Amino acid sequence: MIGESKLGVFIVPTGIGASVGGYAGDASPWARKFSQKSKLIVNPNVVNAGGFSGINDNMFYVEGYSLDKFMSGELNIVPSADNKVGIIFDKAIPEDVLNVHINTMNAVKAVYGLDVGEYEITDTEVGVEFVLDDVSGISNGNVQCPETLLRAAEKLLDRGCDAIAIVCMFEDPEGINEGYSDGVGTDPVGGVEAIISHYISKNLLVPCAHSPAFEDYQIYPDLVNPKSASEYITPTFLPCILIGLAQAPRITKKGGISVKNVDYVVAPYDALGSPAVLSAVGYGIKVYAVKENTTALDVTPEKLGIIDRVCVVDTYEELLRLV
């Protein structure tokens, strides 16, 4: 327990086509409801929504790799509300696209009063490639030069930054999953975004999150599914990660909040194979598997042999009455 408040962990993995949380911040309404009942750790995918963010003061914004290590007992978190956020920009980003992002950075700083402004352009192009597996429906990818991100991040940390936002150049993904705008299928760039953020988290133990940059920043007037809509009304997705990182907890190996403080974990019913969930099971932490949140995976409690250690519920609404 943290004082008199419970601590929950609300997970929706990215790049697996989750019907709730697999699009653009569409798990935020549920996360916000759970955060009214307890402190809540969320991975960025839960609340990131382009020009919006579902984060609130009762949530801890923790990147996926760090979350896994937190749940395994290897890392702890320390609440923070005033992080200095530095931004890494991929050298491959054209000048006009970069200017849009710098204007966005300055707008977020002016409106929210966040400590944002330091940025570093990588010394070489990052070289991001992404792919959506036709069979599994899971997104993945490759980063040709991750070391350039590490060098840029180290420079920002040397300049006093506490958290790192990463913006890499991506090809237009629309042709890969044309159903995404209709709220169908998998976000085609989510998998490689996780690879990028995991890399920085693993090497530097610092709060971080990624936002893609696209050459075409035109806003199209076509109507799209509400679950995807927040990504179609903004030329950059940078605001949500800056807002999240500004209040992300610091990462530490000693002190602060540990896995021993966690009271429960919430995850999609058929996506229970993450290290975070399996660690929770190992520690005897209550794990709730929500059936209504279907994904492209088929990693159920029955297949993992943990059905007797997981509480299966049909809906998030039902679960709200239990925690």
Protein backbone atom coordinates (compact mmCIF):
# COMPACT_ATOMS: atom_id res chain seq x y z
CA MET A 1 0.00 0.00 0.00
CA ILE A 2 1.08 3.63 -0.58
CA GLY A 3 -0.18 5.46 2.48
CA GLU A 4 -3.88 4.71 2.52
CA SER A 5 -4.19 4.27 -1.24
CA LYS A 6 -4.02 1.08 -3.24
CA LEU A 7 -1.67 0.83 -6.22
CA GLY A 8 -2.81 -0.78 -9.45
CA VAL A 9 -1.03 -1.48 -12.72
CA PHE A 10 -3.08 -1.02 -15.90
CA ILE A 11 -1.42 -2.60 -18.94
CA VAL A 12 -2.32 -2.56 -22.63
CA PRO A 13 0.70 -3.70 -24.69
CA THR A 14 1.32 -1.79 -27.90
CA GLY A 15 1.34 -3.24 -31.42
CA ILE A 16 -0.94 -6.22 -30.72
CA GLY A 17 -4.25 -4.89 -32.00
CA ALA A 18 -5.94 -4.52 -28.62
CA SER A 19 -9.62 -3.69 -29.11
CA VAL A 20 -9.34 -1.35 -26.11
CA GLY A 21 -6.12 0.66 -26.09
CA GLY A 22 -4.79 -0.47 -29.44
CA TYR A 23 -5.49 2.79 -31.23
CA ALA A 24 -5.03 6.35 -29.94
CA GLY A 25 -5.50 6.75 -26.21
CA ASP A 26 -8.76 4.82 -26.32
CA ALA A 27 -8.00 2.99 -23.06
CA SER A 28 -7.76 6.35 -21.26
CA PRO A 29 -11.41 6.51 -20.15
CA TRP A 30 -11.05 3.22 -18.29
CA ALA A 31 -7.63 4.06 -16.87
CA ARG A 32 -9.01 7.35 -15.55
CA LYS A 33 -11.88 5.55 -13.85
CA PHE A 34 -9.51 3.09 -12.19
CA SER A 35 -7.27 5.98 -11.10
CA GLN A 36 -10.20 7.39 -9.16
CA LYS A 37 -10.15 4.26 -7.00
CA SER A 38 -6.38 3.84 -6.59
CA LYS A 39 -3.00 5.11 -7.67
CA LEU A 40 -2.38 3.62 -11.11
CA ILE A 41 0.75 2.74 -13.08
CA VAL A 42 0.12 2.89 -16.83
CA ASN A 43 2.34 2.15 -19.79
CA PRO A 44 2.39 5.09 -22.25
CA ASN A 45 0.27 3.23 -24.81
CA VAL A 46 -2.70 3.41 -22.44
CA VAL A 47 -2.91 7.22 -22.36
CA ASN A 48 -0.96 8.54 -25.37
CA ALA A 49 -3.39 10.21 -27.78
CA GLY A 50 -1.54 12.44 -30.23
CA GLY A 51 -2.39 16.02 -29.32
CA PHE A 52 -4.19 14.81 -26.19
CA SER A 53 -3.22 12.77 -23.15
CA GLY A 54 -5.33 10.68 -20.80
CA ILE A 55 -2.79 11.03 -17.98
CA ASN A 56 -3.81 12.55 -14.66
CA ASP A 57 -2.15 13.28 -11.33
CA ASN A 58 -3.11 9.90 -9.87
CA MET A 59 -1.24 7.96 -12.58
CA PHE A 60 2.39 6.95 -12.94
CA TYR A 61 3.56 6.98 -16.59
CA VAL A 62 6.10 4.14 -16.91
CA GLU A 63 7.65 2.90 -20.18
CA GLY A 64 7.22 -0.79 -20.95
CA TYR A 65 10.77 -2.05 -20.33
CA SER A 66 11.00 -0.16 -17.04
CA LEU A 67 7.56 -1.46 -16.08
CA ASP A 68 8.68 -5.05 -16.69
CA LYS A 69 11.78 -4.52 -14.55
CA PHE A 70 9.71 -2.78 -11.86
CA MET A 71 7.36 -5.75 -11.70
CA SER A 72 10.30 -8.17 -11.53
CA GLY A 73 11.64 -6.32 -8.49
CA GLU A 74 14.78 -5.06 -10.24
CA LEU A 75 13.77 -1.38 -10.39
CA ASN A 76 11.69 1.00 -8.28
CA ILE A 77 9.96 4.28 -9.09
CA VAL A 78 10.00 7.64 -7.35
CA PRO A 79 7.07 10.03 -7.96
CA SER A 80 7.98 13.25 -9.76
CA ALA A 81 5.89 16.17 -10.99
CA ASP A 82 8.50 18.50 -12.45
CA ASN A 83 10.76 16.60 -14.83
CA LYS A 84 12.93 18.49 -17.27
CA VAL A 85 12.13 16.80 -20.59
CA GLY A 86 14.64 16.67 -23.42
CA ILE A 87 13.74 15.69 -26.98
CA ILE A 88 15.74 13.63 -29.46
CA PHE A 89 14.98 14.41 -33.11
CA ASP A 90 16.03 11.99 -35.85
CA LYS A 91 18.47 13.57 -38.32
CA ALA A 92 16.27 12.13 -41.10
CA ILE A 93 13.43 14.54 -40.24
CA PRO A 94 13.11 17.22 -42.98
CA GLU A 95 13.39 20.86 -41.89
CA ASP A 96 9.70 21.68 -42.38
CA VAL A 97 8.63 18.64 -40.34
CA LEU A 98 11.18 19.51 -37.67
CA ASN A 99 9.83 23.06 -37.49
CA VAL A 100 6.31 21.72 -36.91
CA HIS A 101 7.63 19.67 -33.99
CA ILE A 102 9.61 22.55 -32.52
CA ASN A 103 6.49 24.74 -32.71
CA THR A 104 4.60 21.93 -30.98
CA MET A 105 7.25 21.71 -28.27
CA ASN A 106 7.03 25.45 -27.68
CA ALA A 107 3.23 25.38 -27.63
CA VAL A 108 3.17 22.62 -25.01
CA LYS A 109 5.70 24.57 -22.96
CA ALA A 110 3.66 27.78 -23.19
CA VAL A 111 0.27 26.21 -22.43
CA TYR A 112 1.23 23.71 -19.72
CA GLY A 113 4.25 25.47 -18.24
CA LEU A 114 6.35 22.33 -18.59
CA ASP A 115 10.14 22.33 -18.39
CA VAL A 116 10.65 21.43 -22.05
CA GLY A 117 13.02 23.06 -24.49
CA GLU A 118 16.27 21.14 -24.65
CA TYR A 119 16.58 19.07 -27.81
CA GLU A 120 19.27 17.19 -29.68
CA ILE A 121 19.37 16.09 -33.32
CA THR A 122 20.99 12.69 -33.82
CA ASP A 123 24.41 12.65 -35.45
CA THR A 124 23.19 10.19 -38.08
CA GLU A 125 19.84 8.98 -39.38
CA VAL A 126 18.17 6.45 -37.07
CA GLY A 127 16.83 4.28 -39.90
CA VAL A 128 13.48 3.03 -38.62
CA GLU A 129 11.72 0.22 -40.46
CA PHE A 130 8.37 -1.24 -39.45
CA VAL A 131 6.28 -4.18 -40.55
CA LEU A 132 2.86 -5.61 -39.78
CA ASP A 133 2.83 -9.42 -39.80
CA ASP A 134 0.00 -10.58 -42.07
CA VAL A 135 -0.38 -13.87 -40.19
CA SER A 136 -0.10 -12.87 -36.54
CA GLY A 137 -1.45 -9.31 -36.89
CA ILE A 138 1.38 -8.06 -34.65
CA SER A 139 3.50 -5.04 -35.58
CA ASN A 140 7.27 -5.17 -35.37
CA GLY A 141 10.29 -3.53 -36.96
CA ASN A 142 13.97 -2.74 -36.96
CA VAL A 143 16.19 0.20 -36.02
CA GLN A 144 19.33 0.43 -38.13
CA CYS A 145 21.34 2.80 -35.93
CA PRO A 146 20.05 2.80 -32.34
CA GLU A 147 23.43 3.97 -31.04
CA THR A 148 22.81 7.46 -32.41
CA LEU A 149 19.75 7.70 -30.14
CA LEU A 150 21.85 6.67 -27.16
CA ARG A 151 24.48 9.32 -27.87
CA ALA A 152 21.84 12.02 -28.21
CA ALA A 153 20.11 10.92 -25.01
CA GLU A 154 23.37 11.01 -23.06
CA LYS A 155 23.96 14.60 -24.20
CA LEU A 156 20.50 15.61 -22.99
CA LEU A 157 21.04 13.93 -19.64
CA ASP A 158 24.36 15.76 -19.33
CA ARG A 159 22.42 19.01 -19.82
CA GLY A 160 20.21 18.21 -16.84
CA CYS A 161 17.24 16.46 -18.44
CA ASP A 162 15.31 13.97 -16.33
CA ALA A 163 13.21 12.34 -19.08
CA ILE A 164 13.69 11.74 -22.80
CA ALA A 165 11.14 12.15 -25.60
CA ILE A 166 12.17 10.51 -28.88
CA VAL A 167 10.94 11.51 -32.33
CA CYS A 168 12.05 9.32 -35.23
CA MET A 169 11.23 9.63 -38.92
CA PHE A 170 8.75 7.04 -40.19
CA GLU A 171 7.42 6.21 -43.63
CA ASP A 172 3.69 6.75 -44.14
CA PRO A 173 2.00 3.62 -42.67
CA GLU A 174 -1.45 4.06 -44.21
CA GLY A 175 -0.99 1.45 -46.92
CA ILE A 176 0.04 -1.20 -44.39
CA ASN A 177 -3.17 -1.27 -42.36
CA GLU A 178 -5.88 0.70 -44.10
CA GLY A 179 -8.38 -0.43 -41.46
CA TYR A 180 -6.62 1.39 -38.62
CA SER A 181 -8.56 4.60 -39.25
CA ASP A 182 -11.76 2.54 -38.95
CA GLY A 183 -10.73 1.12 -35.57
CA VAL A 184 -9.79 -2.27 -37.02
CA GLY A 185 -6.56 -4.27 -36.75
CA THR A 186 -3.18 -3.26 -35.36
CA ASP A 187 -1.30 0.02 -35.17
CA PRO A 188 1.47 -0.75 -37.70
CA VAL A 189 4.12 1.41 -36.01
CA GLY A 190 3.50 0.42 -32.39
CA GLY A 191 5.87 -2.54 -32.32
CA VAL A 192 8.97 -0.68 -33.47
CA GLU A 193 8.11 2.27 -31.23
CA ALA A 194 8.36 -0.13 -28.29
CA ILE A 195 11.75 -1.34 -29.54
CA ILE A 196 13.03 2.26 -29.58
CA SER A 197 11.81 3.18 -26.10
CA HIS A 198 12.92 -0.16 -24.60
CA TYR A 199 16.44 0.45 -25.94
CA ILE A 200 16.79 3.82 -24.21
CA SER A 201 15.17 2.60 -20.99
CA LYS A 202 17.41 -0.45 -20.81
CA ASN A 203 20.62 1.47 -21.37
CA LEU A 204 19.95 4.64 -19.35
CA LEU A 205 17.24 3.81 -16.77
CA VAL A 206 15.42 7.03 -17.57
CA PRO A 207 11.74 7.79 -18.26
CA CYS A 208 11.22 7.89 -22.03
CA ALA A 209 8.59 7.59 -24.74
CA HIS A 210 8.50 7.73 -28.53
CA SER A 211 6.44 9.73 -31.01
CA PRO A 212 6.72 9.17 -34.78
CA ALA A 213 7.25 11.93 -37.33
CA PHE A 214 5.80 11.70 -40.84
CA GLU A 215 6.69 13.70 -43.92
CA ASP A 216 3.04 14.35 -44.73
CA TYR A 217 1.66 16.41 -41.85
CA GLN A 218 -1.50 17.46 -43.66
CA ILE A 219 -4.70 17.03 -41.66
CA TYR A 220 -7.26 15.11 -43.71
CA PRO A 221 -11.00 15.87 -43.45
CA ASP A 222 -12.21 12.27 -43.84
CA LEU A 223 -14.26 10.93 -40.95
CA VAL A 224 -12.53 8.16 -38.99
CA ASN A 225 -13.36 5.88 -36.09
CA PRO A 226 -13.41 7.74 -32.73
CA LYS A 227 -10.82 5.30 -31.33
CA SER A 228 -8.30 6.51 -33.92
CA ALA A 229 -9.52 10.08 -34.30
CA SER A 230 -6.98 11.85 -32.07
CA GLU A 231 -4.16 10.86 -34.46
CA TYR A 232 -5.98 12.31 -37.48
CA ILE A 233 -6.50 15.84 -36.23
CA THR A 234 -2.91 16.81 -35.44
CA PRO A 235 0.27 17.05 -37.54
CA THR A 236 2.41 15.70 -34.69
CA PHE A 237 1.89 13.26 -31.83
CA LEU A 238 4.50 14.94 -29.63
CA PRO A 239 2.17 16.64 -27.07
CA CYS A 240 1.00 13.44 -25.37
CA ILE A 241 4.48 12.14 -24.62
CA LEU A 242 5.73 15.50 -23.36
CA ILE A 243 2.76 15.76 -20.99
CA GLY A 244 3.28 12.20 -19.78
CA LEU A 245 7.04 12.47 -19.35
CA ALA A 246 6.82 15.76 -17.47
CA GLN A 247 5.26 13.86 -14.56
CA ALA A 248 6.74 10.40 -15.12
CA PRO A 249 8.28 8.84 -12.01
CA ARG A 250 12.08 8.65 -11.85
CA ILE A 251 13.66 5.21 -12.13
CA THR A 252 15.83 3.96 -9.28
CA LYS A 253 17.29 0.75 -7.90
CA LYS A 254 16.75 1.71 -4.26
CA GLY A 255 13.98 3.36 -2.28
CA GLY A 256 10.74 4.75 -3.63
CA ILE A 257 7.84 2.54 -4.68
CA SER A 258 8.52 -1.14 -5.39
CA VAL A 259 6.59 -4.12 -6.69
CA LYS A 260 5.84 -4.94 -3.04
CA ASN A 261 3.50 -1.93 -3.05
CA VAL A 262 1.39 -3.24 -5.96
CA ASP A 263 -2.09 -4.46 -5.07
CA TYR A 264 -3.38 -5.56 -8.47
CA VAL A 265 -2.62 -5.77 -12.20
CA VAL A 266 -5.10 -5.40 -15.08
CA ALA A 267 -4.35 -6.77 -18.57
CA PRO A 268 -6.19 -8.08 -21.65
CA TYR A 269 -7.34 -11.69 -21.19
CA ASP A 270 -5.48 -13.07 -24.22
CA ALA A 271 -2.26 -11.04 -23.74
CA LEU A 272 -0.95 -12.31 -20.41
CA GLY A 273 2.53 -13.37 -21.49
CA SER A 274 4.35 -10.13 -20.69
CA PRO A 275 7.13 -10.21 -18.06
CA ALA A 276 5.12 -7.73 -15.97
CA VAL A 277 2.07 -10.00 -15.74
CA LEU A 278 4.09 -13.17 -15.15
CA SER A 279 6.08 -11.44 -12.41
CA ALA A 280 2.84 -10.37 -10.76
CA VAL A 281 1.64 -13.97 -10.80
CA GLY A 282 4.95 -15.07 -9.30
CA TYR A 283 4.66 -12.54 -6.49
CA GLY A 284 1.08 -13.55 -5.76
CA ILE A 285 -0.28 -10.15 -6.81
CA LYS A 286 -3.91 -10.21 -7.92
CA VAL A 287 -4.06 -10.31 -11.73
CA TYR A 288 -7.32 -9.43 -13.49
CA ALA A 289 -7.71 -10.62 -17.09
CA VAL A 290 -10.35 -8.65 -19.02
CA LYS A 291 -12.13 -10.64 -21.73
CA GLU A 292 -13.68 -7.70 -23.58
CA ASN A 293 -10.22 -6.46 -24.55
CA THR A 294 -9.33 -8.85 -27.36
CA THR A 295 -5.94 -8.74 -29.13
CA ALA A 296 -4.08 -10.44 -31.97
CA LEU A 297 -2.43 -12.72 -29.40
CA ASP A 298 -3.76 -15.92 -27.88
CA VAL A 299 -1.85 -16.00 -24.60
CA THR A 300 -4.64 -16.86 -22.18
CA PRO A 301 -4.43 -17.95 -18.53
CA GLU A 302 -5.49 -21.45 -19.59
CA LYS A 303 -2.62 -21.74 -22.09
CA LEU A 304 -0.14 -20.39 -19.55
CA GLY A 305 -1.36 -22.79 -16.89
CA ILE A 306 -2.16 -19.97 -14.47
CA ILE A 307 -5.97 -19.99 -14.58
CA ASP A 308 -6.11 -20.75 -10.84
CA ARG A 309 -3.99 -17.63 -10.12
CA VAL A 310 -5.83 -15.15 -12.35
CA CYS A 311 -9.24 -13.57 -11.88
CA VAL A 312 -11.04 -13.49 -15.24
CA VAL A 313 -13.68 -10.79 -15.72
CA ASP A 314 -15.83 -10.02 -18.74
CA THR A 315 -15.56 -6.22 -18.79
CA TYR A 316 -13.68 -3.28 -17.31
CA GLU A 317 -16.99 -2.08 -15.89
CA GLU A 318 -17.35 -5.32 -13.93
CA LEU A 319 -13.78 -5.05 -12.69
CA LEU A 320 -14.30 -1.51 -11.39
CA ARG A 321 -16.63 -2.97 -8.80
CA LEU A 322 -13.98 -5.41 -7.61
CA VAL A 323 -10.85 -3.31 -7.08
